[in-house]
Each structure stands twice: as C-alpha cells, then as structure tokens.
Amino acid sequence: MMAVHYFSQSLEDSVTHEMALDAYFSGRGITVTPVDHDGQLSGKDRNFATPDNLTYTVEYKADSRASDTRNAFIETVSVDEQNIPGWAYTSTADVLVYYIPPDNIAYVLRMQSVKAMVPVWTETYPLQSVANVSQRGESYHTIGLLVPIRVVTRLPHHSHFIPPLGVPA
C-alpha cells in the first residue's frame, strides 16, 4: 500500500527539515534568508549569501523515503488533476539542496544541471504517482521520476552531513 502524504504533516516535517538545513548552512558562515511568498511560488525557499559576497537562490527538498528506496523523487507534475508542472520544470532557484533526513545527508546541486537531465531521466527511469491530501482535505497526486541517488550524484555536487537539530556539527 502506498503512503498518503498529508499537507499538515508534510508542512510540519518541512519546517523541521528547513530549520536543520538553515542551522547547518548558517554555521558554515552563509547568511540564510527565507524568501517571501512570491519567491516560494517560483520554486525558491532561501537566499544564501556567502562570506565572499556570492549570492544564490536555493530550493530545499527533503525526501525521507529516499533513505529506504535509494531513489530521488524528481517531481514532474505537482497536481495531477490540474496538470500543474512540478519543481523539476518550474523552479527558478540557482541551487537544489536535496536532503535525506534519516541519513543526515544533503546533496547540493546546480538546479540547471538537474533540470537539464530531466529529459534523459524521463526516458530511463520510472514515474511514481504519490497520493496527497491538501489542507482542505482534497485528494490529488504528485508525479515524479524515481532516479537512483547514485545517478543524481553523478552530477557535480557537494555532500554535507546535516546533524539533527540540537546536535553540534
């Protein structure tokens, strides 16, 4: 039986994951600033500013199931009934931080590198439909490619150990 993702629980989990990532990157000298609502609608979660004054827009994705499946879920359709494209097509972030909380690891990749591979991955890897329940209790499905983590990490990336909140790095 496939798990159903409930918006309220997913939101609660995402806040915890975002806090862990914010703490980690802030502890590395990066100024981390949440984006406004409009920024979030364009597929950005944070602005990063490095100590040497480089700035990046960042999208966080947390995927706990990847710990068991060893696959990244690359979202191609956000809401199936309305055919809303997923973040793999719509994100305008410079950087993707793909976080696997049970493994305490985050992969930092250029979003354009990930997006450039979507057509290739579409021909190679299976699609998965995930059942969701919205804040209003409405059911819908999100669709994404199941791409092995070992394939995603063939792209240029940086790996980071992300300690649980409250545990020193």
Protein backbone atom coordinates (compact mmCIF):
# COMPACT_ATOMS: atom_id res chain seq x y z
CA MET A 1 0.00 0.00 0.00
CA MET A 2 1.31 3.42 -0.96
CA ALA A 3 1.70 6.06 1.75
CA VAL A 4 -0.51 9.14 1.57
CA HIS A 5 1.13 12.50 2.21
CA TYR A 6 -0.97 14.83 4.32
CA PHE A 7 -0.29 18.53 3.82
CA SER A 8 -0.37 19.36 7.55
CA GLN A 9 2.15 16.64 8.46
CA SER A 10 4.34 17.42 5.45
CA LEU A 11 4.36 21.10 6.42
CA GLU A 12 5.34 20.26 10.00
CA ASP A 13 8.14 17.98 8.78
CA SER A 14 9.36 20.52 6.24
CA VAL A 15 9.67 23.23 8.90
CA THR A 16 11.86 20.89 11.00
CA HIS A 17 14.00 19.99 7.98
CA GLU A 18 14.33 23.63 6.93
CA MET A 19 15.46 24.55 10.46
CA ALA A 20 18.14 21.84 10.39
CA LEU A 21 19.39 22.97 6.98
CA ASP A 22 19.30 26.66 7.95
CA ALA A 23 21.29 25.93 11.13
CA TYR A 24 23.84 23.87 9.23
CA PHE A 25 24.49 26.38 6.45
CA SER A 26 24.40 29.37 8.83
CA GLY A 27 27.02 27.59 10.93
CA ARG A 28 29.23 27.50 7.84
CA GLY A 29 29.24 31.27 7.51
CA ILE A 30 26.42 31.51 4.98
CA THR A 31 23.77 34.14 5.57
CA VAL A 32 20.49 32.29 5.08
CA THR A 33 17.35 34.33 4.43
CA PRO A 34 13.90 32.84 3.82
CA VAL A 35 12.22 34.12 0.64
CA ASP A 36 8.82 35.79 0.56
CA HIS A 37 5.63 34.14 -0.68
CA ASP A 38 6.25 35.18 -4.30
CA GLY A 39 9.72 33.64 -4.15
CA GLN A 40 8.26 30.39 -2.87
CA LEU A 41 5.76 30.32 -5.73
CA SER A 42 8.69 30.45 -8.16
CA GLY A 43 10.40 27.47 -6.54
CA LYS A 44 12.76 29.17 -4.11
CA ASP A 45 12.98 28.67 -0.37
CA ARG A 46 16.07 30.61 0.67
CA ASN A 47 18.60 33.18 -0.38
CA PHE A 48 22.19 32.30 0.51
CA ALA A 49 24.97 34.87 0.77
CA THR A 50 28.48 33.52 1.21
CA PRO A 51 31.25 35.26 3.18
CA ASP A 52 32.85 36.25 -0.16
CA ASN A 53 29.61 38.00 -1.24
CA LEU A 54 28.31 35.40 -3.68
CA THR A 55 24.53 35.07 -3.62
CA TYR A 56 22.34 32.12 -4.61
CA THR A 57 18.66 31.32 -4.59
CA VAL A 58 18.05 27.89 -3.11
CA GLU A 59 15.27 25.33 -3.17
CA TYR A 60 15.17 22.79 -0.33
CA LYS A 61 13.75 19.33 -0.98
CA ALA A 62 13.56 16.82 1.88
CA ASP A 63 12.94 13.18 0.99
CA SER A 64 12.85 10.73 3.89
CA ARG A 65 11.73 7.82 1.69
CA ALA A 66 14.95 8.07 -0.33
CA SER A 67 16.75 6.56 2.64
CA ASP A 68 14.91 3.27 2.04
CA THR A 69 14.41 3.38 -1.72
CA ARG A 70 17.79 4.93 -2.64
CA ASN A 71 15.86 6.92 -5.26
CA ALA A 72 15.38 10.66 -5.53
CA PHE A 73 11.84 11.78 -6.33
CA ILE A 74 12.20 14.33 -9.13
CA GLU A 75 8.78 15.98 -9.26
CA THR A 76 7.47 16.43 -12.80
CA VAL A 77 3.78 17.06 -12.01
CA SER A 78 2.79 18.87 -8.83
CA VAL A 79 -1.00 18.41 -9.03
CA ASP A 80 -2.16 15.78 -11.49
CA GLU A 81 -5.81 16.80 -11.94
CA GLN A 82 -4.79 20.36 -12.85
CA ASN A 83 -1.66 19.22 -14.72
CA ILE A 84 0.49 21.68 -12.76
CA PRO A 85 4.16 21.14 -13.63
CA GLY A 86 6.46 20.07 -10.83
CA TRP A 87 9.59 21.73 -9.47
CA ALA A 88 11.81 19.90 -11.97
CA TYR A 89 10.32 22.19 -14.62
CA THR A 90 9.24 25.28 -12.72
CA SER A 91 11.88 26.03 -10.10
CA THR A 92 13.83 29.21 -10.74
CA ALA A 93 16.35 28.55 -7.94
CA ASP A 94 20.07 28.52 -8.66
CA VAL A 95 20.73 25.63 -6.31
CA LEU A 96 18.88 22.50 -5.20
CA VAL A 97 19.56 21.15 -1.72
CA TYR A 98 18.27 17.56 -1.78
CA TYR A 99 18.12 16.44 1.86
CA ILE A 100 17.63 12.86 3.08
CA PRO A 101 16.84 13.34 6.78
CA PRO A 102 17.18 9.72 8.03
CA ASP A 103 20.68 9.61 6.52
CA ASN A 104 21.58 13.12 7.71
CA ILE A 105 22.90 13.95 4.26
CA ALA A 106 22.21 16.79 1.86
CA TYR A 107 23.35 17.00 -1.73
CA VAL A 108 23.86 20.49 -3.11
CA LEU A 109 23.44 20.62 -6.88
CA ARG A 110 23.05 23.29 -9.54
CA MET A 111 19.34 23.34 -10.38
CA GLN A 112 20.10 23.83 -14.08
CA SER A 113 22.15 20.61 -14.08
CA VAL A 114 19.22 18.69 -12.59
CA LYS A 115 16.71 20.28 -14.98
CA ALA A 116 18.94 19.50 -17.97
CA MET A 117 18.86 15.80 -17.08
CA VAL A 118 15.07 15.51 -16.76
CA PRO A 119 14.52 14.63 -20.46
CA VAL A 120 17.18 11.91 -20.25
CA TRP A 121 15.86 10.57 -16.96
CA THR A 122 12.32 10.58 -18.37
CA GLU A 123 13.45 8.07 -20.99
CA THR A 124 15.29 5.92 -18.45
CA TYR A 125 13.57 5.88 -15.05
CA PRO A 126 10.02 5.09 -13.93
CA LEU A 127 7.38 7.58 -12.92
CA GLN A 128 5.78 7.27 -9.50
CA SER A 129 2.43 8.72 -8.50
CA VAL A 130 2.14 9.82 -4.86
CA ALA A 131 -1.23 10.34 -3.18
CA ASN A 132 -1.63 13.59 -1.25
CA VAL A 133 -4.33 15.26 0.82
CA SER A 134 -4.44 19.06 0.73
CA GLN A 135 -5.06 21.45 3.61
CA ARG A 136 -8.72 21.47 2.60
CA GLY A 137 -8.91 17.67 2.63
CA GLU A 138 -8.90 17.32 -1.17
CA SER A 139 -7.09 14.35 -2.69
CA TYR A 140 -4.63 14.69 -5.56
CA HIS A 141 -1.48 13.04 -6.87
CA THR A 142 2.03 14.29 -7.41
CA ILE A 143 4.08 12.53 -10.10
CA GLY A 144 7.82 12.24 -10.26
CA LEU A 145 10.71 10.30 -11.66
CA LEU A 146 12.43 7.76 -9.41
CA VAL A 147 16.07 8.43 -10.15
CA PRO A 148 18.68 6.46 -8.18
CA ILE A 149 20.63 8.68 -5.79
CA ARG A 150 23.84 7.25 -7.27
CA VAL A 151 22.76 8.65 -10.66
CA VAL A 152 21.79 12.08 -9.30
CA THR A 153 25.14 12.33 -7.54
CA ARG A 154 26.96 11.78 -10.82
CA LEU A 155 26.11 15.42 -11.43
CA PRO A 156 28.59 17.88 -9.90
CA HIS A 157 27.56 18.24 -6.28
CA HIS A 158 28.69 18.74 -2.72
CA SER A 159 27.64 16.31 0.03
CA HIS A 160 27.04 17.59 3.56
CA PHE A 161 26.42 15.73 6.82
CA ILE A 162 23.49 17.52 8.47
CA PRO A 163 23.34 16.81 12.22
CA PRO A 164 19.90 16.58 13.80
CA LEU A 165 18.70 19.80 15.41
CA GLY A 166 20.37 20.36 18.76
CA VAL A 167 23.37 18.13 17.95
CA PRO A 168 26.61 20.04 17.38
CA ALA A 169 28.14 19.66 13.93
